[in-house]
Amino acid sequence: MLRSTARALKYCGALGSCAAFALCAGFVARSEAQAGAAANSSKAAPLFGITIQPGYRDWKLISVAHEEGSLNDIRAILGNDVAVKAYRAGKLPFPDGSIIARIAWKDVPSEENNKAFGRAQSFVAGPAPDWYLQFMVKDSKKYAATRGWGYAQFDKDGNPSADEAKLKTCAPCHEPAKAGDFVFTHYAP
C-alpha cells in the first residue's frame, strides 16, 4: 500500500508540475501577446502621423485645467522630460523633441464627496470623452508649416478621434498663444 501511495503521489506531482508549467507558459504567452498588441495598437493620427507616445501616463504634470461649455471636462497636461525641462527653465521656443500630452475626462459631480461636504461642491473625473487624449509634438523641420508643432487626438481606446480636417484647425486655433510658442498651458510649479 505504501508503494502504491508513493507512486500515486509521484504521478500527481508530475502532473501538477506539468499543469503549473503549462499554466505559466500560457500566461506568459498571453501577456507577451497583449503587450505586443498594446505596442502595435497605436494607430497614427492623420495629417501629422503622430502615435500615442509610450509611457506618457508616467510623464510629469505641467498643469491642470477645467473647460466649461460644450466640452465640460477636466484635464491633466503632462510633458515628456524635454518639455518639462523647457517649462521649468522658461525656455521658449520649446526645443525639438518636446511633447505635451493632454488627458481629458468629463467633469461629473461626486455624490460621495458632496455628502461628506454637506453640499454640492465636488467634481471628479468621469468617463473619457471622444477627445480624451491629445498630443503636441515639437519638430521644427517636420512640422514647419504648422509653426513647428504636430497635433494628434485619440479616444480612450487608442484610436485617432480627429480627422484630417479637424487637425487642420489646431495650428490656427493655437495662433493666439504665439508668445508662448503656440502653447496655451503655463507651467504650474
Protein backbone atom coordinates (compact mmCIF):
# COMPACT_ATOMS: atom_id res chain seq x y z
CA MET A 1 0.00 0.00 0.00
CA LEU A 2 2.84 2.37 0.85
CA ARG A 3 4.35 1.66 -2.55
CA SER A 4 1.14 2.46 -4.46
CA THR A 5 0.63 5.64 -2.43
CA ALA A 6 4.19 6.78 -3.22
CA ARG A 7 3.63 6.01 -6.91
CA ALA A 8 0.33 7.93 -6.88
CA LEU A 9 1.95 10.94 -5.21
CA LYS A 10 4.83 10.86 -7.68
CA TYR A 11 2.33 10.69 -10.56
CA CYS A 12 0.25 13.55 -9.11
CA GLY A 13 3.37 15.60 -8.51
CA ALA A 14 4.47 15.11 -12.10
CA LEU A 15 1.00 16.03 -13.37
CA GLY A 16 0.90 19.04 -11.07
CA SER A 17 4.28 20.22 -12.30
CA CYS A 18 3.21 19.82 -15.91
CA ALA A 19 -0.04 21.67 -15.26
CA ALA A 20 1.77 24.50 -13.48
CA PHE A 21 4.28 24.76 -16.32
CA ALA A 22 1.51 24.79 -18.93
CA LEU A 23 -0.41 27.42 -16.98
CA CYS A 24 2.67 29.64 -16.63
CA ALA A 25 3.63 29.19 -20.27
CA GLY A 26 0.10 30.11 -21.34
CA PHE A 27 0.06 33.15 -19.06
CA VAL A 28 3.45 34.37 -20.33
CA ALA A 29 2.44 33.84 -23.95
CA ARG A 30 -0.84 35.70 -23.36
CA SER A 31 0.95 38.55 -21.56
CA GLU A 32 3.51 38.86 -24.35
CA ALA A 33 0.75 38.85 -26.95
CA GLN A 34 -1.17 41.54 -25.08
CA ALA A 35 1.97 43.66 -24.68
CA GLY A 36 2.70 43.30 -28.37
CA ALA A 37 -0.87 44.20 -29.27
CA ALA A 38 -0.74 47.24 -27.00
CA ALA A 39 2.54 48.37 -28.52
CA ASN A 40 1.18 47.96 -32.03
CA SER A 41 -2.36 49.18 -31.32
CA SER A 42 -1.46 52.85 -31.54
CA LYS A 43 -2.63 53.98 -34.92
CA ALA A 44 -1.15 57.14 -36.34
CA ALA A 45 -3.36 60.19 -36.32
CA PRO A 46 -3.99 61.59 -39.81
CA LEU A 47 -2.11 64.56 -41.24
CA PHE A 48 0.79 64.61 -38.76
CA GLY A 49 1.36 60.84 -38.38
CA ILE A 50 1.66 61.02 -34.58
CA THR A 51 1.01 57.91 -32.50
CA ILE A 52 0.30 57.54 -28.80
CA GLN A 53 3.59 58.14 -27.05
CA PRO A 54 4.85 55.19 -24.98
CA GLY A 55 4.84 55.82 -21.24
CA TYR A 56 3.02 59.15 -21.46
CA ARG A 57 0.98 58.36 -18.31
CA ASP A 58 4.28 58.45 -16.36
CA TRP A 59 5.28 61.92 -17.58
CA LYS A 60 5.41 64.86 -15.19
CA LEU A 61 2.41 67.05 -14.53
CA ILE A 62 2.63 70.51 -16.10
CA SER A 63 -0.78 71.80 -15.07
CA VAL A 64 -4.48 71.01 -14.76
CA ALA A 65 -7.43 72.74 -16.37
CA HIS A 66 -11.21 72.83 -16.42
CA GLU A 67 -13.11 73.59 -19.59
CA GLU A 68 -16.76 74.61 -19.38
CA GLY A 69 -19.37 74.98 -22.09
CA SER A 70 -19.85 72.20 -24.59
CA LEU A 71 -16.62 70.47 -23.51
CA ASN A 72 -17.28 70.44 -19.75
CA ASP A 73 -14.17 68.46 -18.92
CA ILE A 74 -11.24 68.38 -16.54
CA ARG A 75 -7.74 67.94 -17.91
CA ALA A 76 -4.27 66.93 -16.88
CA ILE A 77 -1.48 68.35 -19.01
CA LEU A 78 1.69 66.26 -18.95
CA GLY A 79 5.10 66.73 -20.54
CA ASN A 80 7.97 64.50 -21.52
CA ASP A 81 11.38 65.27 -19.98
CA VAL A 82 12.33 67.65 -22.81
CA ALA A 83 9.15 69.70 -22.45
CA VAL A 84 9.27 69.79 -18.64
CA LYS A 85 12.89 70.92 -18.66
CA ALA A 86 11.97 73.77 -21.04
CA TYR A 87 8.95 74.72 -18.95
CA ARG A 88 10.99 74.83 -15.73
CA ALA A 89 13.76 76.86 -17.37
CA GLY A 90 11.27 79.21 -19.03
CA LYS A 91 12.87 78.34 -22.37
CA LEU A 92 10.98 79.43 -25.46
CA PRO A 93 10.61 78.35 -28.12
CA PHE A 94 10.31 74.79 -26.90
CA PRO A 95 13.16 72.64 -28.21
CA ASP A 96 12.55 69.92 -30.78
CA GLY A 97 11.60 66.70 -29.06
CA SER A 98 9.22 68.43 -26.64
CA ILE A 99 5.94 66.55 -26.34
CA ILE A 100 2.93 67.76 -24.42
CA ALA A 101 0.04 65.41 -23.66
CA ARG A 102 -3.45 66.42 -22.58
CA ILE A 103 -5.78 63.87 -20.99
CA ALA A 104 -9.45 64.84 -20.52
CA TRP A 105 -12.36 63.41 -18.58
CA LYS A 106 -15.94 64.55 -18.36
CA ASP A 107 -16.43 66.71 -15.27
CA VAL A 108 -19.04 64.98 -13.09
CA PRO A 109 -20.37 65.76 -9.62
CA SER A 110 -19.27 63.45 -6.82
CA GLU A 111 -22.30 62.37 -4.78
CA GLU A 112 -19.99 60.67 -2.27
CA ASN A 113 -17.81 63.74 -1.72
CA ASN A 114 -20.81 66.07 -1.66
CA LYS A 115 -22.36 64.02 1.17
CA ALA A 116 -19.16 64.47 3.17
CA PHE A 117 -19.12 68.23 2.48
CA GLY A 118 -22.83 68.59 3.17
CA ARG A 119 -23.41 70.47 -0.09
CA ALA A 120 -22.86 70.21 -3.83
CA GLN A 121 -19.30 71.38 -4.44
CA SER A 122 -17.19 68.43 -5.56
CA PHE A 123 -16.48 67.34 -9.11
CA VAL A 124 -14.35 64.40 -10.22
CA ALA A 125 -13.10 62.75 -13.38
CA GLY A 126 -15.89 60.90 -15.13
CA PRO A 127 -15.94 58.98 -18.41
CA ALA A 128 -13.47 59.72 -21.16
CA PRO A 129 -14.83 61.92 -23.98
CA ASP A 130 -14.03 61.40 -27.67
CA TRP A 131 -11.25 63.98 -27.30
CA TYR A 132 -9.71 62.01 -24.38
CA LEU A 133 -6.05 62.24 -25.36
CA GLN A 134 -4.18 64.88 -27.37
CA PHE A 135 -0.52 65.36 -28.17
CA MET A 136 1.54 68.30 -29.38
CA VAL A 137 4.91 67.20 -30.76
CA LYS A 138 7.64 69.77 -31.47
CA ASP A 139 9.68 69.15 -34.61
CA SER A 140 10.51 72.47 -36.27
CA LYS A 141 11.51 70.89 -39.59
CA LYS A 142 8.87 68.18 -39.95
CA TYR A 143 6.02 70.48 -38.85
CA ALA A 144 7.38 73.78 -40.24
CA ALA A 145 4.04 74.52 -41.94
CA THR A 146 2.26 74.49 -38.55
CA ARG A 147 4.78 76.61 -36.60
CA GLY A 148 6.87 73.58 -35.59
CA TRP A 149 4.12 71.63 -33.86
CA GLY A 150 2.31 68.45 -34.90
CA TYR A 151 -1.05 67.58 -33.38
CA ALA A 152 -2.94 64.36 -32.65
CA GLN A 153 -6.12 63.31 -30.87
CA PHE A 154 -7.15 59.83 -29.68
CA ASP A 155 -10.15 58.27 -27.97
CA LYS A 156 -9.93 56.14 -24.81
CA ASP A 157 -9.35 53.01 -26.89
CA GLY A 158 -6.29 54.49 -28.64
CA ASN A 159 -7.98 55.21 -31.95
CA PRO A 160 -7.47 58.54 -33.71
CA SER A 161 -10.58 60.60 -33.00
CA ALA A 162 -9.97 63.68 -35.14
CA ASP A 163 -9.93 63.55 -38.91
CA GLU A 164 -7.57 65.50 -41.14
CA ALA A 165 -9.98 68.44 -41.48
CA LYS A 166 -10.29 68.78 -37.70
CA LEU A 167 -6.49 68.56 -37.20
CA LYS A 168 -6.00 71.34 -39.75
CA THR A 169 -7.79 73.64 -37.30
CA CYS A 170 -5.23 73.03 -34.50
CA ALA A 171 -2.46 75.40 -35.62
CA PRO A 172 -4.83 78.32 -36.37
CA CYS A 173 -6.52 77.76 -33.00
CA HIS A 174 -3.12 77.96 -31.25
CA GLU A 175 -2.18 81.19 -33.07
CA PRO A 176 -3.33 83.42 -30.16
CA ALA A 177 -0.73 81.66 -27.98
CA LYS A 178 2.13 82.72 -30.29
CA ALA A 179 4.02 84.43 -27.42
CA GLY A 180 4.16 81.06 -25.61
CA ASP A 181 5.36 79.16 -28.71
CA PHE A 182 1.73 78.36 -29.57
CA VAL A 183 1.16 76.51 -26.28
CA PHE A 184 -1.76 77.64 -24.10
CA THR A 185 -0.72 75.85 -20.92
CA HIS A 186 1.57 77.59 -18.45
CA TYR A 187 3.67 75.63 -16.00
CA ALA A 188 2.10 75.30 -12.53
CA PRO A 189 5.05 74.82 -10.15
